[in-house]
Amino acid sequence: MKARVHVMLKNGVLDPQGAAVRHALGSLGFDGVEGVRQGKVIELDLAETDHAKAEAQVTEMCEKLLANTVIESYSVEIA
């Protein structure tokens, strides 16, 4: 199975990388961009074949390592 995890800073948390991207886009003439939030995508190849077990494993991975749940939120997709 494949899993995809999307990790983003929570709303209200300062995103300096997003601000830098927004500024750079403005410098390149893309003036209509009012905000940018930058995150990360993590793709995992899993040996697990049961969808529910795979989702539970990836959620545990996120809670323990892949996301800093104090300042980041995450979503999990299993395919």
N, C-alpha and C. Protein backbone atom coordinates (compact mmCIF):
# COMPACT_ATOMS: atom_id res chain seq x y z
N MET A 1 0.84 -1.18 0.00
CA MET A 1 0.00 0.00 0.00
C MET A 1 0.88 1.23 0.00
N LYS A 2 0.32 2.29 -0.49
CA LYS A 2 1.01 3.57 -0.46
C LYS A 2 0.26 4.51 0.47
N ALA A 3 1.01 5.33 1.15
CA ALA A 3 0.42 6.35 2.02
C ALA A 3 1.03 7.69 1.67
N ARG A 4 0.22 8.70 1.74
CA ARG A 4 0.69 10.07 1.53
C ARG A 4 0.25 10.89 2.73
N VAL A 5 1.22 11.58 3.34
CA VAL A 5 0.95 12.42 4.50
C VAL A 5 1.20 13.88 4.10
N HIS A 6 0.23 14.72 4.34
CA HIS A 6 0.36 16.16 4.12
C HIS A 6 0.53 16.83 5.48
N VAL A 7 1.61 17.57 5.66
CA VAL A 7 1.89 18.25 6.92
C VAL A 7 1.94 19.75 6.66
N MET A 8 1.17 20.50 7.43
CA MET A 8 1.12 21.96 7.29
C MET A 8 1.18 22.60 8.68
N LEU A 9 1.73 23.80 8.73
CA LEU A 9 1.67 24.55 9.98
C LEU A 9 0.22 24.86 10.30
N LYS A 10 -0.13 24.83 11.57
CA LYS A 10 -1.49 25.17 11.98
C LYS A 10 -1.76 26.64 11.71
N ASN A 11 -3.04 26.96 11.53
CA ASN A 11 -3.42 28.37 11.35
C ASN A 11 -2.99 29.16 12.57
N GLY A 12 -2.45 30.33 12.34
CA GLY A 12 -2.00 31.18 13.42
C GLY A 12 -0.53 31.03 13.75
N VAL A 13 0.11 29.98 13.22
CA VAL A 13 1.54 29.79 13.43
C VAL A 13 2.28 30.52 12.32
N LEU A 14 3.26 31.34 12.71
CA LEU A 14 4.04 32.10 11.74
C LEU A 14 4.73 31.16 10.76
N ASP A 15 4.63 31.48 9.46
CA ASP A 15 5.21 30.66 8.40
C ASP A 15 6.24 31.49 7.63
N PRO A 16 7.48 31.60 8.13
CA PRO A 16 8.47 32.44 7.46
C PRO A 16 8.83 31.94 6.06
N GLN A 17 8.81 30.63 5.82
CA GLN A 17 9.09 30.14 4.48
C GLN A 17 7.98 30.55 3.52
N GLY A 18 6.75 30.46 3.96
CA GLY A 18 5.63 30.89 3.13
C GLY A 18 5.72 32.38 2.81
N ALA A 19 6.09 33.19 3.81
CA ALA A 19 6.23 34.62 3.60
C ALA A 19 7.35 34.92 2.59
N ALA A 20 8.45 34.17 2.68
CA ALA A 20 9.56 34.36 1.74
C ALA A 20 9.13 34.01 0.32
N VAL A 21 8.36 32.94 0.17
CA VAL A 21 7.87 32.55 -1.16
C VAL A 21 6.93 33.62 -1.70
N ARG A 22 6.02 34.12 -0.84
CA ARG A 22 5.09 35.17 -1.28
C ARG A 22 5.86 36.40 -1.74
N HIS A 23 6.87 36.79 -0.98
CA HIS A 23 7.68 37.96 -1.34
C HIS A 23 8.41 37.71 -2.67
N ALA A 24 8.98 36.53 -2.84
CA ALA A 24 9.70 36.21 -4.07
C ALA A 24 8.76 36.21 -5.27
N LEU A 25 7.56 35.69 -5.10
CA LEU A 25 6.59 35.71 -6.19
C LEU A 25 6.24 37.15 -6.58
N GLY A 26 6.08 38.01 -5.57
CA GLY A 26 5.82 39.43 -5.85
C GLY A 26 6.96 40.06 -6.62
N SER A 27 8.18 39.71 -6.25
CA SER A 27 9.36 40.23 -6.95
C SER A 27 9.42 39.77 -8.40
N LEU A 28 8.82 38.63 -8.69
CA LEU A 28 8.79 38.11 -10.05
C LEU A 28 7.59 38.60 -10.85
N GLY A 29 6.81 39.49 -10.25
CA GLY A 29 5.67 40.07 -10.96
C GLY A 29 4.34 39.41 -10.69
N PHE A 30 4.29 38.46 -9.79
CA PHE A 30 3.03 37.80 -9.44
C PHE A 30 2.41 38.55 -8.25
N ASP A 31 1.81 39.70 -8.54
CA ASP A 31 1.32 40.59 -7.49
C ASP A 31 0.02 40.14 -6.85
N GLY A 32 -0.70 39.21 -7.46
CA GLY A 32 -2.01 38.80 -6.94
C GLY A 32 -1.94 37.79 -5.81
N VAL A 33 -0.76 37.36 -5.42
CA VAL A 33 -0.65 36.35 -4.36
C VAL A 33 -0.67 37.06 -3.01
N GLU A 34 -1.72 36.82 -2.24
CA GLU A 34 -1.88 37.50 -0.96
C GLU A 34 -1.33 36.71 0.22
N GLY A 35 -1.15 35.43 0.04
CA GLY A 35 -0.61 34.62 1.13
C GLY A 35 -0.12 33.28 0.62
N VAL A 36 0.88 32.75 1.30
CA VAL A 36 1.42 31.44 0.96
C VAL A 36 1.66 30.68 2.27
N ARG A 37 1.23 29.44 2.30
CA ARG A 37 1.54 28.54 3.41
C ARG A 37 2.33 27.39 2.81
N GLN A 38 3.48 27.11 3.36
CA GLN A 38 4.32 26.04 2.83
C GLN A 38 4.26 24.84 3.76
N GLY A 39 4.19 23.67 3.18
CA GLY A 39 4.14 22.45 3.97
C GLY A 39 5.03 21.39 3.36
N LYS A 40 4.74 20.15 3.70
CA LYS A 40 5.52 19.06 3.13
C LYS A 40 4.60 17.87 2.87
N VAL A 41 5.00 17.06 1.90
CA VAL A 41 4.30 15.83 1.57
C VAL A 41 5.29 14.69 1.76
N ILE A 42 4.86 13.67 2.48
CA ILE A 42 5.70 12.49 2.73
C ILE A 42 4.98 11.29 2.14
N GLU A 43 5.66 10.58 1.24
CA GLU A 43 5.08 9.38 0.64
C GLU A 43 5.75 8.15 1.23
N LEU A 44 4.93 7.18 1.61
CA LEU A 44 5.42 5.96 2.24
C LEU A 44 4.94 4.73 1.46
N ASP A 45 5.82 3.78 1.25
CA ASP A 45 5.43 2.47 0.71
C ASP A 45 5.33 1.53 1.89
N LEU A 46 4.16 0.96 2.07
CA LEU A 46 3.90 0.12 3.25
C LEU A 46 3.71 -1.34 2.86
N ALA A 47 4.19 -2.24 3.70
CA ALA A 47 3.97 -3.67 3.50
C ALA A 47 2.55 -4.08 3.90
N GLU A 48 1.94 -3.30 4.79
CA GLU A 48 0.60 -3.61 5.30
C GLU A 48 -0.40 -3.63 4.15
N THR A 49 -1.32 -4.63 4.16
CA THR A 49 -2.34 -4.73 3.11
C THR A 49 -3.74 -4.35 3.61
N ASP A 50 -3.92 -4.27 4.91
CA ASP A 50 -5.22 -3.89 5.48
C ASP A 50 -5.28 -2.37 5.59
N HIS A 51 -6.29 -1.78 4.96
CA HIS A 51 -6.43 -0.31 4.89
C HIS A 51 -6.48 0.32 6.28
N ALA A 52 -7.30 -0.22 7.15
CA ALA A 52 -7.47 0.36 8.50
C ALA A 52 -6.18 0.27 9.30
N LYS A 53 -5.49 -0.86 9.22
CA LYS A 53 -4.23 -1.02 9.94
C LYS A 53 -3.17 -0.07 9.39
N ALA A 54 -3.13 0.07 8.07
CA ALA A 54 -2.16 0.96 7.45
C ALA A 54 -2.40 2.40 7.91
N GLU A 55 -3.66 2.81 7.92
CA GLU A 55 -3.99 4.17 8.35
C GLU A 55 -3.60 4.39 9.81
N ALA A 56 -3.86 3.39 10.65
CA ALA A 56 -3.50 3.49 12.07
C ALA A 56 -1.99 3.59 12.24
N GLN A 57 -1.24 2.80 11.47
CA GLN A 57 0.22 2.84 11.56
C GLN A 57 0.76 4.20 11.14
N VAL A 58 0.25 4.72 10.03
CA VAL A 58 0.74 6.01 9.54
C VAL A 58 0.35 7.13 10.50
N THR A 59 -0.83 7.06 11.07
CA THR A 59 -1.23 8.06 12.06
C THR A 59 -0.29 8.03 13.25
N GLU A 60 0.08 6.84 13.70
CA GLU A 60 1.03 6.72 14.81
C GLU A 60 2.39 7.30 14.41
N MET A 61 2.82 7.04 13.18
CA MET A 61 4.09 7.61 12.68
C MET A 61 4.05 9.13 12.73
N CYS A 62 2.92 9.69 12.33
CA CYS A 62 2.77 11.15 12.34
C CYS A 62 2.85 11.70 13.76
N GLU A 63 2.16 11.04 14.67
CA GLU A 63 2.13 11.49 16.06
C GLU A 63 3.50 11.41 16.72
N LYS A 64 4.30 10.41 16.33
CA LYS A 64 5.59 10.18 16.98
C LYS A 64 6.76 10.86 16.28
N LEU A 65 6.68 11.08 14.94
CA LEU A 65 7.85 11.55 14.23
C LEU A 65 7.57 12.53 13.08
N LEU A 66 6.63 12.21 12.22
CA LEU A 66 6.50 12.93 10.96
C LEU A 66 5.94 14.34 11.10
N ALA A 67 5.19 14.61 12.15
CA ALA A 67 4.61 15.94 12.35
C ALA A 67 4.86 16.39 13.78
N ASN A 68 5.14 17.67 13.94
CA ASN A 68 5.22 18.28 15.26
C ASN A 68 3.82 18.75 15.59
N THR A 69 3.06 17.93 16.29
CA THR A 69 1.63 18.21 16.47
C THR A 69 1.34 19.44 17.33
N VAL A 70 2.35 20.01 17.93
CA VAL A 70 2.14 21.25 18.67
C VAL A 70 1.86 22.39 17.70
N ILE A 71 2.59 22.42 16.58
CA ILE A 71 2.47 23.52 15.64
C ILE A 71 2.03 23.10 14.24
N GLU A 72 1.94 21.78 14.00
CA GLU A 72 1.59 21.31 12.67
C GLU A 72 0.35 20.42 12.72
N SER A 73 -0.40 20.46 11.63
CA SER A 73 -1.51 19.51 11.45
C SER A 73 -1.13 18.59 10.29
N TYR A 74 -1.80 17.46 10.20
CA TYR A 74 -1.48 16.53 9.13
C TYR A 74 -2.75 15.82 8.67
N SER A 75 -2.70 15.31 7.45
CA SER A 75 -3.76 14.45 6.94
C SER A 75 -3.09 13.25 6.28
N VAL A 76 -3.79 12.14 6.31
CA VAL A 76 -3.26 10.87 5.80
C VAL A 76 -4.16 10.36 4.68
N GLU A 77 -3.54 9.96 3.57
CA GLU A 77 -4.24 9.30 2.47
C GLU A 77 -3.62 7.93 2.28
N ILE A 78 -4.47 6.91 2.20
CA ILE A 78 -4.01 5.54 1.97
C ILE A 78 -4.55 5.09 0.62
N ALA A 79 -3.66 4.55 -0.22
CA ALA A 79 -4.11 4.08 -1.54
C ALA A 79 -3.58 2.67 -1.78
